[in-house]
Every structure is written in C-alpha cells, then in structure tokens.
C-alpha cells in the first residue's frame, strides 16, 4: 500500500502504539534522575569530581560509556539500506542543514539578546571576571546560549528519532552530515557571533565526541546486526535479541542524566533564579525552531517518518560540545558554562514533550511506517 493510501485510510492517530509503564512516564523518570544527579554531586562531591576528571580533551569517559549503551540499541535496529535512499530523497537533509546553520544560530542570538540583555537585565546586573576582563553576567549567559545554538545535536537526536518512530536511516545520515558540517562551521560561526578574535576551537573535543558518541556505536551496531542476521537469522534478532536490548537505551539515557547533573549540578544549586531566567530564551528557541522545521517539512510534503526527526534534530543541541567549549573559553564556574548546563536541564524534558507532540500529530503527514525503526516491533500499528 502506498504512503498516500495509508495516510488516507487512517483516522487521526498517534505514531506507534502501546507504551510500557516505564516509557509512558519517561518524563517523570527524567526529572527524578536530574534530582538524583544533583543530590549525588552535593552529597558525594568527591565521587562526582573523580568521575568528571576521567576525560580526554574534555570528553567525559563515563558519559561516553553511557552514551555508547544509549546509542548501540538504536544503531543495531537501523536498516542501513534506508540510508541509501537519501540520495533519491534529499529533502530532509537539506531542511536540516538550512534550519541548523542558516536560521537557528541567529534566532538564538535574537532570543538571548531580547530576554537576557533587555527584558531580564534588571535581575542580571552582576559582573564576572573572564580572562582578566570584567564581563556582565547577561553577556556571559548570552555567550553560553550562542555556543548551544551553533552546536547541532549529533548523538541524542537518535534517541528522539527512535522514540518518535522516525526513519532512523535518514536520521543517521542527517546526523553524519551535521557532524561534518560542524567541523567546518562551528569555529567561524562561533567567532563571528561571539565577536571574539581569539576563540579557541576545541577540535579534539568535536572530533572525539563525534567518533565516540556516534562512530563507535554505529560501527558496533552495523557489525553485530550483520553477524546476527548471518549466524542467527532475522527472526532470532527480532524475537530474542531485541527483547533484552529494548530497555537498555532508555536506561542508559537516565544514567547519563544522573552523571551529567552530578558533575554540573553545583552550578544549578548556586543560581536558582538565574536558571529560570536563562531557561526562558532556551525554551522559546527550542520550540520556535521545532515549529519552523515541522511546518516546513509539512509544506515540503515529507512523510512523518522523515519529518519528525528532521524537526527534532533542528530543535536539539549538542550540549556536550557546548559545555566543553564554554569551560575551555570561559571557565567551569562562568556564566557561559552555567547557560550550557541549563541547556541540558531544558532540552531533555522539552524534547520528550516534542516527541509526544510529533506522535500525536503524525496524521498531519503522509505515512511510511515501514521505514520507521521502532522501540518494540509489537508497537507497530496495523495500518
């Protein structure tokens, strides 16, 4: 059945199907893990500092391990033959590139300046010393927001695409293209938007994060999928292997959040009001960019399975690189570093909300459910 006939034959239903109790209340578990991470950092600061110190070029080894186990279950489910189809259907990739590099960085500057440098200025009147120079807190927070805005997501967006039942073949190609583009555009765009001639580009951080967060689980997923299909068969893969693998990705996501907030939670506890003020432009930016990309995808007549991840990859940020860059440029306790940490605090709950919105509005688009990579094969609706 063609995608047009599928779309015409269904009533307004969400993508996917039954969710487990754990998946249904994922947002609640996310908040619990954030609180647990902050508590861990406060009650056992030595443990948090020791784990945070385990890094190579600002890439945290514990986080990398958790992200591997978060990404691997997603990668191993991808039918990589779908990635080849991108050549015949390049619209989602083009849309992602336009949103991420021609729109998103500049709207981030606009929203950050409006809220942090004008509307909230009376509450952000302090200053801090960075590299021997006195800088207003509002400008420091704006710098952190900019670093978030120019770092498109190259890892966790695979989780968002996975949860919204998107085409993971296309999502993987979009991630690869954005990873390569970031290597070339992150430095000059950051230098221009920050108006800093001496911007230090953490090339090692960017390259290592892409290799570790995407490359390793991709290689492991491709090889193990090939080996299992060859030696065990597709039926064993779907009935046995995935049964035990399914909970791993979400569990690794939650452990990642505990570690992130154990490492950086001290910044949040010390600045509760500023957290709220910084969160406003980041929240507005995330939803605004998602709306632009989602509407554009509909106008381009993309299928839901391509439209949802294309919009989500535009809305999300590579906060690992943003945090590492802010720490290298401005220091761990700087306002810029705090703003990037708030990016983590905002992104996960908001992206889960947008994932749910995508699933509930799937009927707005043509449907190609056969291209989706689902968390559980039993969740496929009988179209």
Protein backbone atom coordinates (compact mmCIF):
# COMPACT_ATOMS: atom_id res chain seq x y z
CA UNK A 1 0.00 0.00 0.00
CA UNK A 2 1.38 3.43 -0.93
CA UNK A 3 2.01 6.12 1.65
CA UNK A 4 -0.84 8.19 0.20
CA UNK A 5 -3.30 5.31 0.60
CA UNK A 6 -2.02 4.64 4.11
CA UNK A 7 -2.50 8.29 5.02
CA UNK A 8 -5.99 8.38 3.59
CA UNK A 9 -7.10 5.16 5.28
CA UNK A 10 -6.29 6.08 8.87
CA UNK A 11 -8.03 8.30 11.36
CA UNK A 12 -6.06 10.85 13.39
CA UNK A 13 -3.91 8.51 15.47
CA UNK A 14 -0.56 8.84 17.12
CA UNK A 15 2.53 7.17 15.75
CA UNK A 16 3.46 3.89 17.35
CA UNK A 17 1.25 2.07 19.75
CA UNK A 18 1.32 0.67 23.28
CA UNK A 19 3.94 2.01 25.64
CA UNK A 20 5.20 0.25 28.71
CA UNK A 21 4.65 1.82 32.12
CA UNK A 22 8.32 2.86 32.12
CA UNK A 23 8.09 4.53 28.69
CA UNK A 24 4.75 6.20 29.44
CA UNK A 25 6.17 8.14 32.38
CA UNK A 26 9.63 8.73 30.93
CA UNK A 27 9.48 12.48 31.64
CA UNK A 28 8.88 11.75 35.33
CA UNK A 29 11.89 9.40 35.44
CA UNK A 30 13.97 12.09 33.73
CA UNK A 31 13.16 14.61 36.47
CA UNK A 32 13.93 12.01 39.13
CA UNK A 33 17.32 11.35 37.56
CA UNK A 34 18.08 15.08 37.37
CA UNK A 35 17.30 15.42 41.08
CA UNK A 36 19.29 12.27 41.86
CA UNK A 37 22.27 13.61 39.92
CA UNK A 38 22.22 16.96 41.74
CA UNK A 39 21.89 15.17 45.09
CA UNK A 40 24.80 12.85 44.22
CA UNK A 41 27.00 15.81 43.36
CA UNK A 42 26.08 17.57 46.61
CA UNK A 43 26.28 14.60 48.98
CA UNK A 44 29.32 12.92 47.44
CA UNK A 45 31.27 15.70 45.69
CA UNK A 46 34.48 13.67 45.75
CA UNK A 47 32.91 10.87 43.72
CA UNK A 48 31.45 13.32 41.21
CA UNK A 49 34.76 15.16 40.83
CA UNK A 50 36.69 11.91 40.39
CA UNK A 51 34.31 10.71 37.67
CA UNK A 52 34.28 14.11 35.97
CA UNK A 53 38.09 14.15 35.91
CA UNK A 54 38.09 10.98 33.80
CA UNK A 55 38.15 12.71 30.43
CA UNK A 56 40.14 13.08 27.22
CA UNK A 57 40.09 16.56 25.61
CA UNK A 58 37.03 17.47 27.70
CA UNK A 59 35.19 14.33 26.52
CA UNK A 60 33.99 12.53 29.65
CA UNK A 61 34.78 8.82 29.62
CA UNK A 62 31.87 7.84 31.95
CA UNK A 63 29.44 9.85 29.81
CA UNK A 64 30.91 8.30 26.66
CA UNK A 65 30.33 4.79 28.04
CA UNK A 66 26.73 5.61 28.95
CA UNK A 67 26.09 7.21 25.55
CA UNK A 68 27.51 4.14 23.82
CA UNK A 69 24.95 1.92 25.54
CA UNK A 70 22.28 4.51 24.78
CA UNK A 71 23.17 4.65 21.08
CA UNK A 72 24.00 0.99 20.39
CA UNK A 73 20.44 -0.39 20.77
CA UNK A 74 19.30 2.31 18.34
CA UNK A 75 22.07 1.74 15.80
CA UNK A 76 21.66 -2.04 15.73
CA UNK A 77 17.99 -1.66 14.75
CA UNK A 78 18.70 0.57 11.75
CA UNK A 79 18.13 -0.93 8.34
CA UNK A 80 21.11 0.73 6.68
CA UNK A 81 19.67 0.16 3.23
CA UNK A 82 17.31 3.03 4.08
CA UNK A 83 20.30 5.39 4.27
CA UNK A 84 20.99 4.76 0.58
CA UNK A 85 17.53 6.13 -0.21
CA UNK A 86 18.63 9.58 0.98
CA UNK A 87 20.24 10.14 -2.43
CA UNK A 88 16.82 9.78 -4.02
CA UNK A 89 15.06 11.83 -1.31
CA UNK A 90 17.43 14.57 -0.06
CA UNK A 91 14.77 16.98 1.24
CA UNK A 92 15.04 16.06 4.96
CA UNK A 93 18.82 16.53 4.93
CA UNK A 94 18.60 19.86 3.11
CA UNK A 95 15.89 21.05 5.51
CA UNK A 96 18.05 20.11 8.50
CA UNK A 97 21.10 21.94 7.12
CA UNK A 98 19.12 25.11 6.41
CA UNK A 99 17.48 25.13 9.83
CA UNK A 100 20.66 24.31 11.75
CA UNK A 101 23.03 26.71 10.03
CA UNK A 102 21.01 29.44 8.30
CA UNK A 103 18.28 30.00 10.91
CA UNK A 104 18.96 28.51 14.33
CA UNK A 105 22.19 30.35 15.32
CA UNK A 106 20.68 33.74 14.51
CA UNK A 107 17.35 33.19 16.23
CA UNK A 108 19.29 32.06 19.31
CA UNK A 109 21.14 35.38 19.33
CA UNK A 110 17.87 37.30 18.91
CA UNK A 111 16.05 35.48 21.73
CA UNK A 112 19.08 35.59 24.05
CA UNK A 113 19.57 39.32 23.49
CA UNK A 114 15.87 40.08 23.93
CA UNK A 115 15.41 38.16 27.16
CA UNK A 116 18.82 38.25 28.83
CA UNK A 117 20.12 41.62 27.70
CA UNK A 118 16.85 43.56 27.81
CA UNK A 119 13.79 42.01 29.47
CA UNK A 120 15.64 40.30 32.34
CA UNK A 121 18.51 42.79 32.57
CA UNK A 122 17.43 44.21 35.99
CA UNK A 123 17.90 40.74 37.57
CA UNK A 124 21.19 40.09 35.76
CA UNK A 125 23.11 43.21 36.74
CA UNK A 126 26.20 41.47 38.14
CA UNK A 127 29.60 41.02 36.52
CA UNK A 128 32.30 38.36 36.46
CA UNK A 129 35.98 38.26 35.56
CA UNK A 130 36.89 36.24 32.46
CA UNK A 131 40.49 36.16 31.27
CA UNK A 132 41.26 39.25 33.29
CA UNK A 133 38.36 41.27 31.84
CA UNK A 134 35.13 42.25 33.55
CA UNK A 135 32.07 40.92 31.72
CA UNK A 136 28.39 41.42 32.55
CA UNK A 137 26.51 38.30 33.59
CA UNK A 138 23.95 38.86 30.85
CA UNK A 139 26.65 38.83 28.15
CA UNK A 140 28.25 35.75 29.67
CA UNK A 141 24.91 33.92 29.63
CA UNK A 142 24.34 35.05 26.04
CA UNK A 143 27.72 33.59 25.07
CA UNK A 144 26.67 30.23 26.54
CA UNK A 145 23.36 30.35 24.67
CA UNK A 146 25.22 31.07 21.42
CA UNK A 147 27.51 28.08 21.95
CA UNK A 148 24.39 25.94 22.30
CA UNK A 149 22.79 27.45 19.21
CA UNK A 150 25.72 26.69 16.91
CA UNK A 151 26.13 23.06 18.04
CA UNK A 152 23.50 20.87 16.34
CA UNK A 153 22.84 17.56 18.04
CA UNK A 154 24.79 14.57 16.73
CA UNK A 155 24.01 11.93 19.33
CA UNK A 156 20.86 12.19 21.44
CA UNK A 157 18.75 13.16 18.43
CA UNK A 158 18.98 9.48 17.51
CA UNK A 159 17.15 8.79 20.76
CA UNK A 160 14.46 11.37 19.94
CA UNK A 161 14.05 9.93 16.43
CA UNK A 162 13.86 6.46 17.93
CA UNK A 163 11.17 7.45 20.43
CA UNK A 164 9.01 9.20 17.81
CA UNK A 165 9.14 6.20 15.43
CA UNK A 166 11.12 8.06 12.78
CA UNK A 167 13.15 6.85 9.84
CA UNK A 168 16.47 6.12 11.55
CA UNK A 169 18.25 5.59 8.24
CA UNK A 170 17.52 9.20 7.29
CA UNK A 171 18.21 10.38 10.83
CA UNK A 172 21.62 8.76 10.78
CA UNK A 173 22.52 10.48 7.51
CA UNK A 174 21.32 13.83 8.90
CA UNK A 175 23.49 13.29 11.97
CA UNK A 176 26.51 12.43 9.81
CA UNK A 177 26.06 15.49 7.60
CA UNK A 178 25.64 17.79 10.61
CA UNK A 179 28.71 16.28 12.26
CA UNK A 180 30.87 17.02 9.25
CA UNK A 181 29.38 20.48 8.81
CA UNK A 182 30.03 21.32 12.45
CA UNK A 183 33.73 20.62 11.99
CA UNK A 184 33.91 23.40 9.39
CA UNK A 185 31.30 25.92 10.57
CA UNK A 186 31.45 25.75 14.38
CA UNK A 187 34.62 27.84 14.71
CA UNK A 188 33.99 30.66 12.19
CA UNK A 189 30.32 30.99 13.12
CA UNK A 190 31.17 31.00 16.81
CA UNK A 191 33.93 33.55 16.31
CA UNK A 192 31.59 35.82 14.38
CA UNK A 193 28.61 35.57 16.72
CA UNK A 194 30.71 35.91 19.86
CA UNK A 195 32.70 38.73 18.24
CA UNK A 196 35.89 37.22 19.66
CA UNK A 197 39.03 37.10 17.52
CA UNK A 198 40.75 34.66 19.87
CA UNK A 199 38.06 31.97 20.05
CA UNK A 200 39.75 28.68 20.84
CA UNK A 201 38.17 25.88 18.83
CA UNK A 202 38.13 22.54 20.68
CA UNK A 203 38.78 20.50 17.53
CA UNK A 204 39.82 17.45 19.52
CA UNK A 205 36.62 17.67 21.56
CA UNK A 206 34.42 17.91 18.48
CA UNK A 207 36.16 15.10 16.60
CA UNK A 208 36.33 12.79 19.61
CA UNK A 209 32.73 13.42 20.61
CA UNK A 210 31.50 12.60 17.10
CA UNK A 211 33.65 9.45 16.94
CA UNK A 212 32.71 8.26 20.43
CA UNK A 213 29.06 9.29 20.58
CA UNK A 214 28.18 8.28 17.01
CA UNK A 215 31.07 6.42 15.34
CA UNK A 216 31.66 3.63 17.86
CA UNK A 217 28.01 2.63 18.40
CA UNK A 218 27.43 2.91 14.64
CA UNK A 219 30.29 0.53 13.85
CA UNK A 220 29.25 -1.87 16.62
CA UNK A 221 25.62 -1.77 15.51
CA UNK A 222 26.42 -2.41 11.85
CA UNK A 223 28.77 -5.30 12.57
CA UNK A 224 26.61 -7.03 15.18
CA UNK A 225 23.49 -6.69 13.02
CA UNK A 226 25.34 -8.26 10.09
CA UNK A 227 26.77 -11.06 12.30
CA UNK A 228 23.42 -11.86 13.94
CA UNK A 229 21.49 -11.90 10.65
CA UNK A 230 24.14 -14.18 9.14
CA UNK A 231 24.52 -16.60 12.03
CA UNK A 232 21.22 -16.43 13.94
CA UNK A 233 18.72 -15.11 11.44
CA UNK A 234 16.32 -12.20 11.35
CA UNK A 235 13.64 -13.95 13.39
CA UNK A 236 16.04 -14.61 16.31
CA UNK A 237 17.19 -10.99 16.11
CA UNK A 238 13.64 -9.63 16.40
CA UNK A 239 12.21 -12.14 18.88
CA UNK A 240 15.15 -12.79 21.20
CA UNK A 241 17.89 -10.20 20.85
CA UNK A 242 15.67 -7.10 20.80
CA UNK A 243 13.62 -8.38 23.73
CA UNK A 244 16.57 -7.97 26.08
CA UNK A 245 18.05 -4.95 24.28
CA UNK A 246 14.99 -2.68 24.26
CA UNK A 247 15.24 -1.32 27.86
CA UNK A 248 18.97 -0.64 27.52
CA UNK A 249 18.78 2.63 25.53
CA UNK A 250 16.37 4.41 27.86
CA UNK A 251 18.16 3.10 30.97
CA UNK A 252 21.47 4.44 29.62
CA UNK A 253 19.79 7.80 28.92
CA UNK A 254 18.67 8.07 32.54
CA UNK A 255 22.09 7.09 33.90
CA UNK A 256 23.65 9.69 31.60
CA UNK A 257 21.42 12.37 33.11
CA UNK A 258 22.38 11.33 36.65
CA UNK A 259 26.06 11.68 35.77
CA UNK A 260 25.66 14.98 33.92
CA UNK A 261 23.89 16.63 36.82
CA UNK A 262 26.21 15.07 39.37
CA UNK A 263 29.10 16.75 37.51
CA UNK A 264 27.49 20.15 36.91
CA UNK A 265 24.63 20.31 39.43
CA UNK A 266 26.60 22.62 41.75
CA UNK A 267 26.22 25.43 39.21
CA UNK A 268 22.44 24.96 39.24
CA UNK A 269 22.08 24.89 43.02
CA UNK A 270 24.03 28.13 43.41
CA UNK A 271 21.97 30.10 40.86
CA UNK A 272 18.25 29.14 41.13
CA UNK A 273 16.78 32.44 39.87
CA UNK A 274 19.29 32.77 37.05
CA UNK A 275 18.49 29.19 36.00
CA UNK A 276 14.87 30.20 35.45
CA UNK A 277 15.80 33.36 33.54
CA UNK A 278 18.26 31.54 31.27
CA UNK A 279 15.75 28.75 30.68
CA UNK A 280 13.17 31.11 29.14
CA UNK A 281 15.02 32.02 25.89
CA UNK A 282 16.30 28.44 25.54
CA UNK A 283 12.75 27.09 25.89
CA UNK A 284 11.38 29.61 23.38
CA UNK A 285 14.22 28.91 20.94
CA UNK A 286 13.77 25.13 21.06
CA UNK A 287 10.04 25.30 20.38
CA UNK A 288 10.39 28.03 17.75
CA UNK A 289 12.98 26.10 15.73
CA UNK A 290 10.96 22.91 16.01
CA UNK A 291 7.86 24.72 14.75
CA UNK A 292 9.71 26.20 11.77
CA UNK A 293 11.18 22.85 10.76
CA UNK A 294 7.97 20.89 11.36
CA UNK A 295 5.83 23.29 9.31
CA UNK A 296 8.46 23.41 6.56
CA UNK A 297 8.50 19.60 6.48
CA UNK A 298 4.74 19.58 6.02
CA UNK A 299 4.95 22.14 3.21
CA UNK A 300 7.62 20.00 1.55
CA UNK A 301 5.22 17.02 1.77
CA UNK A 302 7.68 14.87 3.71
CA UNK A 303 6.42 11.68 5.25
CA UNK A 304 6.00 11.73 9.03
CA UNK A 305 8.85 9.23 9.43
CA UNK A 306 11.22 11.79 7.81
CA UNK A 307 9.58 14.99 9.05
CA UNK A 308 9.66 14.22 12.78
CA UNK A 309 13.42 13.54 13.10
CA UNK A 310 14.21 16.43 10.72
CA UNK A 311 12.36 18.83 13.04
CA UNK A 312 13.78 17.29 16.22
CA UNK A 313 17.39 17.43 15.03
CA UNK A 314 16.91 21.14 14.36
CA UNK A 315 15.46 21.77 17.80
CA UNK A 316 18.07 19.84 19.82
CA UNK A 317 21.64 20.82 20.66
CA UNK A 318 24.97 19.07 21.07
CA UNK A 319 25.24 20.20 24.68
CA UNK A 320 28.31 18.06 25.37
CA UNK A 321 30.37 20.11 22.89
CA UNK A 322 28.74 23.37 24.05
CA UNK A 323 29.60 22.67 27.71
CA UNK A 324 33.17 21.66 26.85
CA UNK A 325 33.67 24.78 24.71
CA UNK A 326 32.24 27.09 27.37
CA UNK A 327 34.50 25.58 30.02
CA UNK A 328 37.57 25.92 27.80
CA UNK A 329 36.80 29.50 26.76
CA UNK A 330 35.33 30.99 29.92
CA UNK A 331 35.96 28.59 32.82
CA UNK A 332 33.94 25.98 34.71
CA UNK A 333 32.25 28.48 37.04
CA UNK A 334 31.46 31.06 34.36
CA UNK A 335 28.01 32.26 33.37
CA UNK A 336 28.56 30.82 29.89
CA UNK A 337 29.18 27.35 31.34
CA UNK A 338 26.08 27.71 33.50
CA UNK A 339 23.96 28.60 30.44
CA UNK A 340 25.12 25.48 28.60
CA UNK A 341 24.27 23.33 31.63
CA UNK A 342 20.80 24.88 31.70
CA UNK A 343 20.62 23.73 28.08
CA UNK A 344 20.77 20.14 29.32
CA UNK A 345 18.17 20.87 32.00
CA UNK A 346 15.78 22.30 29.40
CA UNK A 347 16.49 20.07 26.44
CA UNK A 348 15.63 16.60 27.70
CA UNK A 349 12.14 17.35 29.12
CA UNK A 350 11.28 19.69 26.23
CA UNK A 351 12.44 17.21 23.59
CA UNK A 352 10.36 14.48 25.24
CA UNK A 353 7.39 16.85 25.05
CA UNK A 354 8.07 17.49 21.35
CA UNK A 355 8.44 13.76 20.69
CA UNK A 356 4.99 13.25 22.17
CA UNK A 357 3.66 16.14 20.06
CA UNK A 358 5.11 14.51 16.93
CA UNK A 359 3.45 11.18 17.68
CA UNK A 360 0.09 12.82 18.29
CA UNK A 361 0.26 14.86 15.06
CA UNK A 362 1.60 12.10 12.80
CA UNK A 363 -1.68 12.15 10.86
CA UNK A 364 -0.75 15.62 9.53
CA UNK A 365 1.75 13.94 7.19
CA UNK A 366 1.84 11.13 4.64
CA UNK A 367 2.79 7.92 6.41
CA UNK A 368 5.51 5.38 5.61
CA UNK A 369 5.54 3.22 8.76
CA UNK A 370 7.57 0.53 7.03
CA UNK A 371 10.58 2.91 7.17
CA UNK A 372 10.37 3.51 10.90
CA UNK A 373 12.70 1.97 13.42
CA UNK A 374 10.51 1.27 16.43
CA UNK A 375 11.47 0.71 20.07
CA UNK A 376 9.47 -2.51 20.04
CA UNK A 377 8.17 -4.33 16.94
CA UNK A 378 4.93 -5.02 18.83
CA UNK A 379 4.22 -1.27 18.83
CA UNK A 380 3.59 -1.14 15.07
CA UNK A 381 0.03 -0.12 14.39
CA UNK A 382 -1.97 -2.19 11.97
CA UNK A 383 -2.47 0.33 9.21
